[in-house]
Amino acid sequence: MSDASTTVNRTEIVRTEKIIRPYVRRTPVIELAGADIGVETERLCLKLELFQHSGSFKARGAFANLLTRKIPASGVVAASGGNHGAAVAYAAMKLNVPAKIFVPTISSPAKLQRIREYGADLAVEGDRYADALAASQIWAQQSGALPVHAFDQDETMLGQGTIGMEIDEQAPELDTLLVSVGGGGLIAGVAAWVAGRFKVVGVEPFASPTLTRALEAGRPVDAEAGGLAADSLAPRRIGDRVFPIAAKYVDSTVLVADEAIRQAQNVLWQVLRIVAEPGGAAAFSALLSGAYRPKTGERVAVIISGGNTTAVNFDR
């Protein structure tokens, strides 16, 4: 198998974008003054992927898989903390494909509800993503269903990379893009598109530093897997195919505390009336907490990656 750093590239992202375009939304970018949130930056843009079908960016990778790979009669199977499962279930519903989704017990009720509403067969297995993944692999062997990996699959990364295409058009001349990291499919896809033209910075919770630990070790390694955003940002280790791309194109990573993520959720609501899930707000929290400090005049964009959460009283 070839190195994903050569197969996940701008040419293939353009090709993938043309295939999935009829099925995914071109999500908006909004620009706000840094002063609105107490951050000194000349330009701040938010890419609102929480408005994507199924409530997160994951729909892009799901459709890329289902539209470019041969689907057996037994359909597809996926393991997920929740968002990928909802995205695969949504894509399968739209394309009339059977889908079985495995999730761990930490998945939020909002994500489980979406999976059920989209008509997939839902199974709750184990306490963490790794448990659900193991169960999905057994099912794939037994049923012949096609596995759709949440992050460590070229098609998945290519689908997520289409976000980079859109950001280039909607917010040109950026200096830095902040991206939350779980298994790394989002940051790998976007970084492959950016290809070093500006900085791509990964944001991870202290409780689940998968990419940080991998970059320190020079290879994917097991990391802690917990915290407030564990249902979307705690797969235990970065993807094997993700890692070469991240090592090549990701400028750096920063770590954020759970309290900073909660604050980011609150600020998004108070300032913009946007309800983001913890994983969706993680990258934004790096600015608010000072984990990432823009230089004078630096033009920064942040991906708000998901909004699958139950109603929260942010006004309290």
C-alpha atoms as a PDB file:
ATOM      1  CA  MET A   1       0.000   0.000   0.000  1.00  0.00           C
ATOM      2  CA  SER A   2       1.371   3.442  -0.945  1.00  0.00           C
ATOM      3  CA  ASP A   3       2.139   6.185   1.543  1.00  0.00           C
ATOM      4  CA  ALA A   4      -0.985   8.319   2.100  1.00  0.00           C
ATOM      5  CA  SER A   5       1.177  11.455   1.924  1.00  0.00           C
ATOM      6  CA  THR A   6       1.413  10.832  -1.830  1.00  0.00           C
ATOM      7  CA  THR A   7      -2.114   9.526  -2.519  1.00  0.00           C
ATOM      8  CA  VAL A   8      -3.959  12.155  -0.468  1.00  0.00           C
ATOM      9  CA  ASN A   9      -3.105  15.296  -2.402  1.00  0.00           C
ATOM     10  CA  ARG A  10      -4.625  18.394  -3.991  1.00  0.00           C
ATOM     11  CA  THR A  11      -5.378  16.684  -7.305  1.00  0.00           C
ATOM     12  CA  GLU A  12      -7.294  13.867  -5.630  1.00  0.00           C
ATOM     13  CA  ILE A  13      -9.104  16.281  -3.316  1.00  0.00           C
ATOM     14  CA  VAL A  14     -10.341  18.242  -6.341  1.00  0.00           C
ATOM     15  CA  ARG A  15     -11.535  15.005  -7.948  1.00  0.00           C
ATOM     16  CA  THR A  16     -13.286  13.947  -4.753  1.00  0.00           C
ATOM     17  CA  GLU A  17     -14.937  17.342  -4.344  1.00  0.00           C
ATOM     18  CA  LYS A  18     -16.584  17.034  -7.750  1.00  0.00           C
ATOM     19  CA  ILE A  19     -17.992  13.625  -6.795  1.00  0.00           C
ATOM     20  CA  ILE A  20     -19.411  14.575  -3.403  1.00  0.00           C
ATOM     21  CA  ARG A  21     -20.513  18.137  -4.236  1.00  0.00           C
ATOM     22  CA  PRO A  22     -24.178  17.225  -4.939  1.00  0.00           C
ATOM     23  CA  TYR A  23     -24.419  15.555  -1.520  1.00  0.00           C
ATOM     24  CA  VAL A  24     -22.672  17.967   0.876  1.00  0.00           C
ATOM     25  CA  ARG A  25     -23.212  21.555   1.899  1.00  0.00           C
ATOM     26  CA  ARG A  26     -20.804  24.377   1.214  1.00  0.00           C
ATOM     27  CA  THR A  27     -20.762  25.537   4.804  1.00  0.00           C
ATOM     28  CA  PRO A  28     -20.419  29.234   5.619  1.00  0.00           C
ATOM     29  CA  VAL A  29     -17.425  31.162   6.875  1.00  0.00           C
ATOM     30  CA  ILE A  30     -18.054  34.115   9.156  1.00  0.00           C
ATOM     31  CA  GLU A  31     -15.548  36.816   9.996  1.00  0.00           C
ATOM     32  CA  LEU A  32     -15.439  38.560  13.345  1.00  0.00           C
ATOM     33  CA  ALA A  33     -13.191  41.021  15.088  1.00  0.00           C
ATOM     34  CA  GLY A  34     -10.730  39.546  17.520  1.00  0.00           C
ATOM     35  CA  ALA A  35     -11.901  42.167  19.997  1.00  0.00           C
ATOM     36  CA  ASP A  36     -15.325  40.487  20.033  1.00  0.00           C
ATOM     37  CA  ILE A  37     -13.785  37.569  21.914  1.00  0.00           C
ATOM     38  CA  GLY A  38     -10.837  39.291  23.567  1.00  0.00           C
ATOM     39  CA  VAL A  39      -8.192  38.032  21.139  1.00  0.00           C
ATOM     40  CA  GLU A  40      -5.642  40.289  19.464  1.00  0.00           C
ATOM     41  CA  THR A  41      -5.778  39.283  15.822  1.00  0.00           C
ATOM     42  CA  GLU A  42      -6.368  41.362  12.720  1.00  0.00           C
ATOM     43  CA  ARG A  43      -8.688  38.830  11.102  1.00  0.00           C
ATOM     44  CA  LEU A  44     -10.522  35.849  12.537  1.00  0.00           C
ATOM     45  CA  CYS A  45     -12.674  33.532  10.424  1.00  0.00           C
ATOM     46  CA  LEU A  46     -14.786  30.606  11.585  1.00  0.00           C
ATOM     47  CA  LYS A  47     -15.600  27.771   9.169  1.00  0.00           C
ATOM     48  CA  LEU A  48     -18.947  26.477  10.396  1.00  0.00           C
ATOM     49  CA  GLU A  49     -18.881  22.758   9.657  1.00  0.00           C
ATOM     50  CA  LEU A  50     -21.443  22.141  12.386  1.00  0.00           C
ATOM     51  CA  PHE A  51     -23.966  23.208   9.713  1.00  0.00           C
ATOM     52  CA  GLN A  52     -22.968  20.262   7.512  1.00  0.00           C
ATOM     53  CA  HIS A  53     -25.376  17.362   6.912  1.00  0.00           C
ATOM     54  CA  SER A  54     -25.487  15.079   9.975  1.00  0.00           C
ATOM     55  CA  GLY A  55     -24.143  17.906  12.150  1.00  0.00           C
ATOM     56  CA  SER A  56     -20.412  17.681  11.463  1.00  0.00           C
ATOM     57  CA  PHE A  57     -17.696  17.679   8.812  1.00  0.00           C
ATOM     58  CA  LYS A  58     -17.781  13.875   8.815  1.00  0.00           C
ATOM     59  CA  ALA A  59     -20.429  13.769   6.086  1.00  0.00           C
ATOM     60  CA  ARG A  60     -17.772  14.699   3.542  1.00  0.00           C
ATOM     61  CA  GLY A  61     -15.631  11.650   4.262  1.00  0.00           C
ATOM     62  CA  ALA A  62     -18.661   9.398   4.497  1.00  0.00           C
ATOM     63  CA  PHE A  63     -19.917  10.342   1.044  1.00  0.00           C
ATOM     64  CA  ALA A  64     -16.396  10.109  -0.388  1.00  0.00           C
ATOM     65  CA  ASN A  65     -16.254   6.489   0.778  1.00  0.00           C
ATOM     66  CA  LEU A  66     -19.717   5.443  -0.333  1.00  0.00           C
ATOM     67  CA  LEU A  67     -19.495   7.136  -3.734  1.00  0.00           C
ATOM     68  CA  THR A  68     -16.003   5.998  -4.757  1.00  0.00           C
ATOM     69  CA  ARG A  69     -15.758   2.454  -3.364  1.00  0.00           C
ATOM     70  CA  LYS A  70     -17.641  -0.666  -4.393  1.00  0.00           C
ATOM     71  CA  ILE A  71     -20.388  -1.350  -1.844  1.00  0.00           C
ATOM     72  CA  PRO A  72     -21.331  -5.013  -1.270  1.00  0.00           C
ATOM     73  CA  ALA A  73     -24.930  -6.147  -0.878  1.00  0.00           C
ATOM     74  CA  SER A  74     -24.352  -6.348   2.882  1.00  0.00           C
ATOM     75  CA  GLY A  75     -23.671  -2.621   2.934  1.00  0.00           C
ATOM     76  CA  VAL A  76     -21.228  -0.731   5.120  1.00  0.00           C
ATOM     77  CA  VAL A  77     -20.071  -0.841   8.719  1.00  0.00           C
ATOM     78  CA  ALA A  78     -18.448   1.890  10.775  1.00  0.00           C
ATOM     79  CA  ALA A  79     -17.126   2.455  14.273  1.00  0.00           C
ATOM     80  CA  SER A  80     -17.468   5.896  15.730  1.00  0.00           C
ATOM     81  CA  GLY A  81     -17.580   8.063  18.806  1.00  0.00           C
ATOM     82  CA  GLY A  82     -20.775   9.365  17.243  1.00  0.00           C
ATOM     83  CA  ASN A  83     -20.245  11.926  14.479  1.00  0.00           C
ATOM     84  CA  HIS A  84     -18.720   9.563  11.937  1.00  0.00           C
ATOM     85  CA  GLY A  85     -21.451   7.045  12.670  1.00  0.00           C
ATOM     86  CA  ALA A  86     -24.129   9.668  12.106  1.00  0.00           C
ATOM     87  CA  ALA A  87     -22.440  10.740   8.876  1.00  0.00           C
ATOM     88  CA  VAL A  88     -22.161   7.198   7.505  1.00  0.00           C
ATOM     89  CA  ALA A  89     -25.758   6.511   8.522  1.00  0.00           C
ATOM     90  CA  TYR A  90     -26.880   9.687   6.744  1.00  0.00           C
ATOM     91  CA  ALA A  91     -24.917   8.923   3.573  1.00  0.00           C
ATOM     92  CA  ALA A  92     -26.180   5.336   3.581  1.00  0.00           C
ATOM     93  CA  MET A  93     -29.760   6.541   3.946  1.00  0.00           C
ATOM     94  CA  LYS A  94     -29.389   8.954   1.023  1.00  0.00           C
ATOM     95  CA  LEU A  95     -27.761   6.304  -1.180  1.00  0.00           C
ATOM     96  CA  ASN A  96     -30.050   3.467  -0.067  1.00  0.00           C
ATOM     97  CA  VAL A  97     -27.228   1.369   1.384  1.00  0.00           C
ATOM     98  CA  PRO A  98     -27.532  -0.850   4.500  1.00  0.00           C
ATOM     99  CA  ALA A  99     -25.400   0.437   7.396  1.00  0.00           C
ATOM    100  CA  LYS A 100     -24.416  -0.912  10.796  1.00  0.00           C
ATOM    101  CA  ILE A 101     -22.807   1.517  13.236  1.00  0.00           C
ATOM    102  CA  PHE A 102     -20.846   0.594  16.363  1.00  0.00           C
ATOM    103  CA  VAL A 103     -20.398   3.223  19.079  1.00  0.00           C
ATOM    104  CA  PRO A 104     -19.006   3.171  22.638  1.00  0.00           C
ATOM    105  CA  THR A 105     -20.993   3.988  25.755  1.00  0.00           C
ATOM    106  CA  ILE A 106     -19.464   7.491  25.912  1.00  0.00           C
ATOM    107  CA  SER A 107     -21.297   8.578  22.742  1.00  0.00           C
ATOM    108  CA  SER A 108     -23.660  11.461  23.421  1.00  0.00           C
ATOM    109  CA  PRO A 109     -27.430  10.901  23.298  1.00  0.00           C
ATOM    110  CA  ALA A 110     -27.687  13.496  20.527  1.00  0.00           C
ATOM    111  CA  LYS A 111     -25.378  11.459  18.285  1.00  0.00           C
ATOM    112  CA  LEU A 112     -27.118   8.176  19.040  1.00  0.00           C
ATOM    113  CA  GLN A 113     -30.453   9.756  18.196  1.00  0.00           C
ATOM    114  CA  ARG A 114     -29.179  10.951  14.833  1.00  0.00           C
ATOM    115  CA  ILE A 115     -27.859   7.507  13.930  1.00  0.00           C
ATOM    116  CA  ARG A 116     -31.213   5.945  14.746  1.00  0.00           C
ATOM    117  CA  GLU A 117     -33.144   8.626  12.856  1.00  0.00           C
ATOM    118  CA  TYR A 118     -31.105   7.918   9.735  1.00  0.00           C
ATOM    119  CA  GLY A 119     -32.178   4.275   9.854  1.00  0.00           C
ATOM    120  CA  ALA A 120     -28.863   2.539  10.558  1.00  0.00           C
ATOM    121  CA  ASP A 121     -28.546  -0.551  12.722  1.00  0.00           C
ATOM    122  CA  LEU A 122     -26.943   0.776  15.925  1.00  0.00           C
ATOM    123  CA  ALA A 123     -24.833  -1.280  18.331  1.00  0.00           C
ATOM    124  CA  VAL A 124     -23.265   0.055  21.552  1.00  0.00           C
ATOM    125  CA  GLU A 125     -20.031  -1.799  22.336  1.00  0.00           C
ATOM    126  CA  GLY A 126     -17.477  -1.026  25.050  1.00  0.00           C
ATOM    127  CA  ASP A 127     -16.474   2.152  26.810  1.00  0.00           C
ATOM    128  CA  ARG A 128     -14.177   3.730  24.198  1.00  0.00           C
ATOM    129  CA  TYR A 129     -13.822   4.117  20.437  1.00  0.00           C
ATOM    130  CA  ALA A 130     -11.241   1.318  20.313  1.00  0.00           C
ATOM    131  CA  ASP A 131     -13.814  -1.107  21.708  1.00  0.00           C
ATOM    132  CA  ALA A 132     -16.386  -0.129  19.099  1.00  0.00           C
ATOM    133  CA  LEU A 133     -13.760  -0.415  16.355  1.00  0.00           C
ATOM    134  CA  ALA A 134     -12.856  -3.964  17.395  1.00  0.00           C
ATOM    135  CA  ALA A 135     -16.518  -4.967  17.368  1.00  0.00           C
ATOM    136  CA  SER A 136     -17.014  -3.409  13.926  1.00  0.00           C
ATOM    137  CA  GLN A 137     -14.062  -5.344  12.537  1.00  0.00           C
ATOM    138  CA  ILE A 138     -15.559  -8.619  13.735  1.00  0.00           C
ATOM    139  CA  TRP A 139     -18.868  -7.686  12.130  1.00  0.00           C
ATOM    140  CA  ALA A 140     -17.152  -6.825   8.841  1.00  0.00           C
ATOM    141  CA  GLN A 141     -15.532 -10.264   8.758  1.00  0.00           C
ATOM    142  CA  GLN A 142     -18.790 -12.027   9.570  1.00  0.00           C
ATOM    143  CA  SER A 143     -21.092 -10.049   7.281  1.00  0.00           C
ATOM    144  CA  GLY A 144     -18.889  -8.982   4.383  1.00  0.00           C
ATOM    145  CA  ALA A 145     -19.894  -5.348   4.927  1.00  0.00           C
ATOM    146  CA  LEU A 146     -17.452  -2.693   3.730  1.00  0.00           C
ATOM    147  CA  PRO A 147     -15.626  -0.974   6.631  1.00  0.00           C
ATOM    148  CA  VAL A 148     -15.702   2.827   6.481  1.00  0.00           C
ATOM    149  CA  HIS A 149     -12.971   4.069   8.791  1.00  0.00           C
ATOM    150  CA  ALA A 150     -13.562   7.256  10.737  1.00  0.00           C
ATOM    151  CA  PHE A 151     -10.156   8.740   9.905  1.00  0.00           C
ATOM    152  CA  ASP A 152      -7.479   6.285   8.709  1.00  0.00           C
ATOM    153  CA  GLN A 153      -8.773   5.798   5.164  1.00  0.00           C
ATOM    154  CA  ASP A 154      -7.652   7.710   2.089  1.00  0.00           C
ATOM    155  CA  GLU A 155     -11.222   8.357   0.916  1.00  0.00           C
ATOM    156  CA  THR A 156     -12.117   9.707   4.339  1.00  0.00           C
ATOM    157  CA  MET A 157      -9.187  12.119   4.345  1.00  0.00           C
ATOM    158  CA  LEU A 158      -9.900  13.213   0.777  1.00  0.00           C
ATOM    159  CA  GLY A 159     -13.479  14.033   1.691  1.00  0.00           C
ATOM    160  CA  GLN A 160     -12.387  16.069   4.704  1.00  0.00           C
ATOM    161  CA  GLY A 161      -9.797  17.810   2.551  1.00  0.00           C
ATOM    162  CA  THR A 162     -12.584  19.486   0.572  1.00  0.00           C
ATOM    163  CA  ILE A 163     -13.010  21.782   3.585  1.00  0.00           C
ATOM    164  CA  GLY A 164      -9.588  23.180   2.764  1.00  0.00           C
ATOM    165  CA  MET A 165     -10.707  23.910  -0.792  1.00  0.00           C
ATOM    166  CA  GLU A 166     -13.692  25.863   0.478  1.00  0.00           C
ATOM    167  CA  ILE A 167     -11.689  27.812   3.053  1.00  0.00           C
ATOM    168  CA  ASP A 168      -9.222  28.861   0.339  1.00  0.00           C
ATOM    169  CA  GLU A 169     -12.103  30.349  -1.651  1.00  0.00           C
ATOM    170  CA  GLN A 170     -14.024  31.829   1.278  1.00  0.00           C
ATOM    171  CA  ALA A 171     -11.141  33.178   3.380  1.00  0.00           C
ATOM    172  CA  PRO A 172      -8.122  33.770   1.134  1.00  0.00           C
ATOM    173  CA  GLU A 173      -4.702  34.919   2.316  1.00  0.00           C
ATOM    174  CA  LEU A 174      -4.734  33.167   5.662  1.00  0.00           C
ATOM    175  CA  ASP A 175      -1.672  32.811   7.847  1.00  0.00           C
ATOM    176  CA  THR A 176      -2.908  30.079  10.188  1.00  0.00           C
ATOM    177  CA  LEU A 177      -5.675  27.479  10.396  1.00  0.00           C
ATOM    178  CA  LEU A 178      -6.577  25.875  13.738  1.00  0.00           C
ATOM    179  CA  VAL A 179      -7.995  22.353  13.513  1.00  0.00           C
ATOM    180  CA  SER A 180      -9.185  20.015  16.271  1.00  0.00           C
ATOM    181  CA  VAL A 181      -7.610  16.551  16.254  1.00  0.00           C
ATOM    182  CA  GLY A 182      -8.958  13.151  17.224  1.00  0.00           C
ATOM    183  CA  GLY A 183      -7.814  10.360  14.930  1.00  0.00           C
ATOM    184  CA  GLY A 184      -6.496  12.974  12.510  1.00  0.00           C
ATOM    185  CA  GLY A 185      -8.617  12.527   9.378  1.00  0.00           C
ATOM    186  CA  LEU A 186      -9.731  16.158   9.362  1.00  0.00           C
ATOM    187  CA  ILE A 187      -6.334  17.733   9.918  1.00  0.00           C
ATOM    188  CA  ALA A 188      -4.645  15.338   7.480  1.00  0.00           C
ATOM    189  CA  GLY A 189      -7.115  16.073   4.701  1.00  0.00           C
ATOM    190  CA  VAL A 190      -7.010  19.828   5.200  1.00  0.00           C
ATOM    191  CA  ALA A 191      -3.225  19.899   5.634  1.00  0.00           C
ATOM    192  CA  ALA A 192      -2.796  17.896   2.421  1.00  0.00           C
ATOM    193  CA  TRP A 193      -4.779  20.584   0.624  1.00  0.00           C
ATOM    194  CA  VAL A 194      -2.867  23.461   2.223  1.00  0.00           C
ATOM    195  CA  ALA A 195       0.452  21.688   1.510  1.00  0.00           C
ATOM    196  CA  GLY A 196       2.557  24.110   3.505  1.00  0.00           C
ATOM    197  CA  ARG A 197       1.198  27.346   1.997  1.00  0.00           C
ATOM    198  CA  PHE A 198       0.249  28.551   5.481  1.00  0.00           C
ATOM    199  CA  LYS A 199       0.374  27.139   8.993  1.00  0.00           C
ATOM    200  CA  VAL A 200      -1.941  24.328  10.047  1.00  0.00           C
ATOM    201  CA  VAL A 201      -2.010  23.904  13.827  1.00  0.00           C
ATOM    202  CA  GLY A 202      -3.589  20.925  15.552  1.00  0.00           C
ATOM    203  CA  VAL A 203      -5.576  21.451  18.764  1.00  0.00           C
ATOM    204  CA  GLU A 204      -6.005  18.553  21.177  1.00  0.00           C
ATOM    205  CA  PRO A 205      -7.321  18.158  24.724  1.00  0.00           C
ATOM    206  CA  PHE A 206      -4.721  17.449  27.391  1.00  0.00           C
ATOM    207  CA  ALA A 207      -6.840  14.368  28.091  1.00  0.00           C
ATOM    208  CA  SER A 208      -6.352  12.904  24.585  1.00  0.00           C
ATOM    209  CA  PRO A 209      -3.136  14.146  22.915  1.00  0.00           C
ATOM    210  CA  THR A 210      -2.966  11.624  20.063  1.00  0.00           C
ATOM    211  CA  LEU A 211      -1.106  13.671  17.450  1.00  0.00           C
ATOM    212  CA  THR A 212       1.129  15.386  19.996  1.00  0.00           C
ATOM    213  CA  ARG A 213       2.337  12.043  21.340  1.00  0.00           C
ATOM    214  CA  ALA A 214       2.829  10.680  17.824  1.00  0.00           C
ATOM    215  CA  LEU A 215       4.903  13.656  16.718  1.00  0.00           C
ATOM    216  CA  GLU A 216       7.035  13.342  19.849  1.00  0.00           C
ATOM    217  CA  ALA A 217       7.608   9.629  19.191  1.00  0.00           C
ATOM    218  CA  GLY A 218       7.992   9.940  15.429  1.00  0.00           C
ATOM    219  CA  ARG A 219       5.219   7.389  14.879  1.00  0.00           C
ATOM    220  CA  PRO A 220       1.652   6.638  16.019  1.00  0.00           C
ATOM    221  CA  VAL A 221       1.602   5.566  19.668  1.00  0.00           C
ATOM    222  CA  ASP A 222      -1.074   4.999  22.268  1.00  0.00           C
ATOM    223  CA  ALA A 223      -2.070   8.117  24.188  1.00  0.00           C
ATOM    224  CA  GLU A 224      -4.512   8.989  26.926  1.00  0.00           C
ATOM    225  CA  ALA A 225      -8.143   8.774  25.798  1.00  0.00           C
ATOM    226  CA  GLY A 226     -10.528  10.748  27.963  1.00  0.00           C
ATOM    227  CA  GLY A 227     -11.885  14.161  28.774  1.00  0.00           C
ATOM    228  CA  LEU A 228     -14.885  16.299  27.919  1.00  0.00           C
ATOM    229  CA  ALA A 229     -14.562  15.715  24.157  1.00  0.00           C
ATOM    230  CA  ALA A 230     -13.843  11.988  24.399  1.00  0.00           C
ATOM    231  CA  ASP A 231     -16.740  11.043  22.127  1.00  0.00           C
ATOM    232  CA  SER A 232     -15.063  12.809  19.193  1.00  0.00           C
ATOM    233  CA  LEU A 233     -11.404  13.478  20.035  1.00  0.00           C
ATOM    234  CA  ALA A 234     -10.177  10.386  21.882  1.00  0.00           C
ATOM    235  CA  PRO A 235      -9.468   7.386  19.627  1.00  0.00           C
ATOM    236  CA  ARG A 236      -6.295   6.515  21.635  1.00  0.00           C
ATOM    237  CA  ARG A 237      -3.859   6.835  18.710  1.00  0.00           C
ATOM    238  CA  ILE A 238      -3.475   8.764  15.482  1.00  0.00           C
ATOM    239  CA  GLY A 239      -4.066   6.885  12.239  1.00  0.00           C
ATOM    240  CA  ASP A 240      -1.174   5.081  10.557  1.00  0.00           C
ATOM    241  CA  ARG A 241      -2.089   6.615   7.193  1.00  0.00           C
ATOM    242  CA  VAL A 242      -2.859   9.963   8.795  1.00  0.00           C
ATOM    243  CA  PHE A 243       0.549  10.282  10.437  1.00  0.00           C
ATOM    244  CA  PRO A 244       2.823  10.784   7.371  1.00  0.00           C
ATOM    245  CA  ILE A 245       0.621  13.633   6.164  1.00  0.00           C
ATOM    246  CA  ALA A 246       0.507  15.260   9.594  1.00  0.00           C
ATOM    247  CA  ALA A 247       4.251  14.869  10.050  1.00  0.00           C
ATOM    248  CA  LYS A 248       4.845  16.508   6.675  1.00  0.00           C
ATOM    249  CA  TYR A 249       2.334  19.360   6.706  1.00  0.00           C
ATOM    250  CA  VAL A 250       1.118  20.114  10.247  1.00  0.00           C
ATOM    251  CA  ASP A 251       3.164  22.970  11.691  1.00  0.00           C
ATOM    252  CA  SER A 252       2.584  22.194  15.381  1.00  0.00           C
ATOM    253  CA  THR A 253       0.053  21.125  17.996  1.00  0.00           C
ATOM    254  CA  VAL A 254      -1.248  22.808  21.136  1.00  0.00           C
ATOM    255  CA  LEU A 255      -3.109  21.299  24.077  1.00  0.00           C
ATOM    256  CA  VAL A 256      -6.228  22.658  25.784  1.00  0.00           C
ATOM    257  CA  ALA A 257      -7.957  21.885  29.062  1.00  0.00           C
ATOM    258  CA  ASP A 258     -11.549  20.727  29.372  1.00  0.00           C
ATOM    259  CA  GLU A 259     -12.448  23.998  31.098  1.00  0.00           C
ATOM    260  CA  ALA A 260     -11.114  25.938  28.108  1.00  0.00           C
ATOM    261  CA  ILE A 261     -13.336  23.878  25.811  1.00  0.00           C
ATOM    262  CA  ARG A 262     -16.361  24.627  28.008  1.00  0.00           C
ATOM    263  CA  GLN A 263     -15.500  28.328  27.873  1.00  0.00           C
ATOM    264  CA  ALA A 264     -15.256  28.167  24.075  1.00  0.00           C
ATOM    265  CA  GLN A 265     -18.701  26.576  23.864  1.00  0.00           C
ATOM    266  CA  ASN A 266     -20.056  29.351  26.050  1.00  0.00           C
ATOM    267  CA  VAL A 267     -18.422  32.150  24.046  1.00  0.00           C
ATOM    268  CA  LEU A 268     -19.642  30.742  20.741  1.00  0.00           C
ATOM    269  CA  TRP A 269     -23.141  30.825  22.176  1.00  0.00           C
ATOM    270  CA  GLN A 270     -22.912  34.228  23.866  1.00  0.00           C
ATOM    271  CA  VAL A 271     -21.268  36.039  20.947  1.00  0.00           C
ATOM    272  CA  LEU A 272     -22.665  34.215  17.901  1.00  0.00           C
ATOM    273  CA  ARG A 273     -25.555  32.081  19.173  1.00  0.00           C
ATOM    274  CA  ILE A 274     -23.770  28.971  17.854  1.00  0.00           C
ATOM    275  CA  VAL A 275     -24.182  25.714  19.785  1.00  0.00           C
ATOM    276  CA  ALA A 276     -21.028  23.628  19.266  1.00  0.00           C
ATOM    277  CA  GLU A 277     -20.257  20.278  20.831  1.00  0.00           C
ATOM    278  CA  PRO A 278     -17.046  20.023  22.905  1.00  0.00           C
ATOM    279  CA  GLY A 279     -15.002  18.530  20.065  1.00  0.00           C
ATOM    280  CA  GLY A 280     -16.399  21.140  17.702  1.00  0.00           C
ATOM    281  CA  ALA A 281     -15.302  23.987  19.968  1.00  0.00           C
ATOM    282  CA  ALA A 282     -11.864  22.604  20.854  1.00  0.00           C
ATOM    283  CA  ALA A 283      -9.915  24.429  18.129  1.00  0.00           C
ATOM    284  CA  PHE A 284     -11.610  27.717  19.028  1.00  0.00           C
ATOM    285  CA  SER A 285     -10.660  27.200  22.668  1.00  0.00           C
ATOM    286  CA  ALA A 286      -6.979  27.411  21.759  1.00  0.00           C
ATOM    287  CA  LEU A 287      -7.431  31.107  20.957  1.00  0.00           C
ATOM    288  CA  LEU A 288      -9.508  31.962  24.011  1.00  0.00           C
ATOM    289  CA  SER A 289      -7.221  30.158  26.447  1.00  0.00           C
ATOM    290  CA  GLY A 290      -3.987  31.464  24.978  1.00  0.00           C
ATOM    291  CA  ALA A 291      -2.787  27.986  24.045  1.00  0.00           C
ATOM    292  CA  TYR A 292      -2.306  29.548  20.616  1.00  0.00           C
ATOM    293  CA  ARG A 293      -1.376  33.245  20.562  1.00  0.00           C
ATOM    294  CA  PRO A 294      -1.542  34.946  17.152  1.00  0.00           C
ATOM    295  CA  LYS A 295       1.177  37.394  16.245  1.00  0.00           C
ATOM    296  CA  THR A 296       0.314  40.995  15.454  1.00  0.00           C
ATOM    297  CA  GLY A 297      -1.574  41.116  12.174  1.00  0.00           C
ATOM    298  CA  GLU A 298      -1.843  37.336  11.873  1.00  0.00           C
ATOM    299  CA  ARG A 299      -4.886  36.175   9.889  1.00  0.00           C
ATOM    300  CA  VAL A 300      -6.387  33.135  11.595  1.00  0.00           C
ATOM    301  CA  ALA A 301      -9.195  30.730  10.710  1.00  0.00           C
ATOM    302  CA  VAL A 302     -10.760  28.073  12.923  1.00  0.00           C
ATOM    303  CA  ILE A 303     -12.857  25.065  11.931  1.00  0.00           C
ATOM    304  CA  ILE A 304     -15.916  24.671  14.177  1.00  0.00           C
ATOM    305  CA  SER A 305     -16.241  21.012  13.373  1.00  0.00           C
ATOM    306  CA  GLY A 306     -19.477  19.760  14.922  1.00  0.00           C
ATOM    307  CA  GLY A 307     -22.683  20.602  16.739  1.00  0.00           C
ATOM    308  CA  ASN A 308     -24.146  17.262  17.779  1.00  0.00           C
ATOM    309  CA  THR A 309     -24.933  17.925  21.389  1.00  0.00           C
ATOM    310  CA  THR A 310     -27.984  18.038  23.593  1.00  0.00           C
ATOM    311  CA  ALA A 311     -29.309  21.441  24.534  1.00  0.00           C
ATOM    312  CA  VAL A 312     -27.066  23.141  27.079  1.00  0.00           C
ATOM    313  CA  ASN A 313     -27.926  26.184  29.151  1.00  0.00           C
ATOM    314  CA  PHE A 314     -24.972  28.371  28.232  1.00  0.00           C
ATOM    315  CA  ASP A 315     -26.729  31.440  29.668  1.00  0.00           C
ATOM    316  CA  ARG A 316     -26.427  30.266  33.256  1.00  0.00           C
END
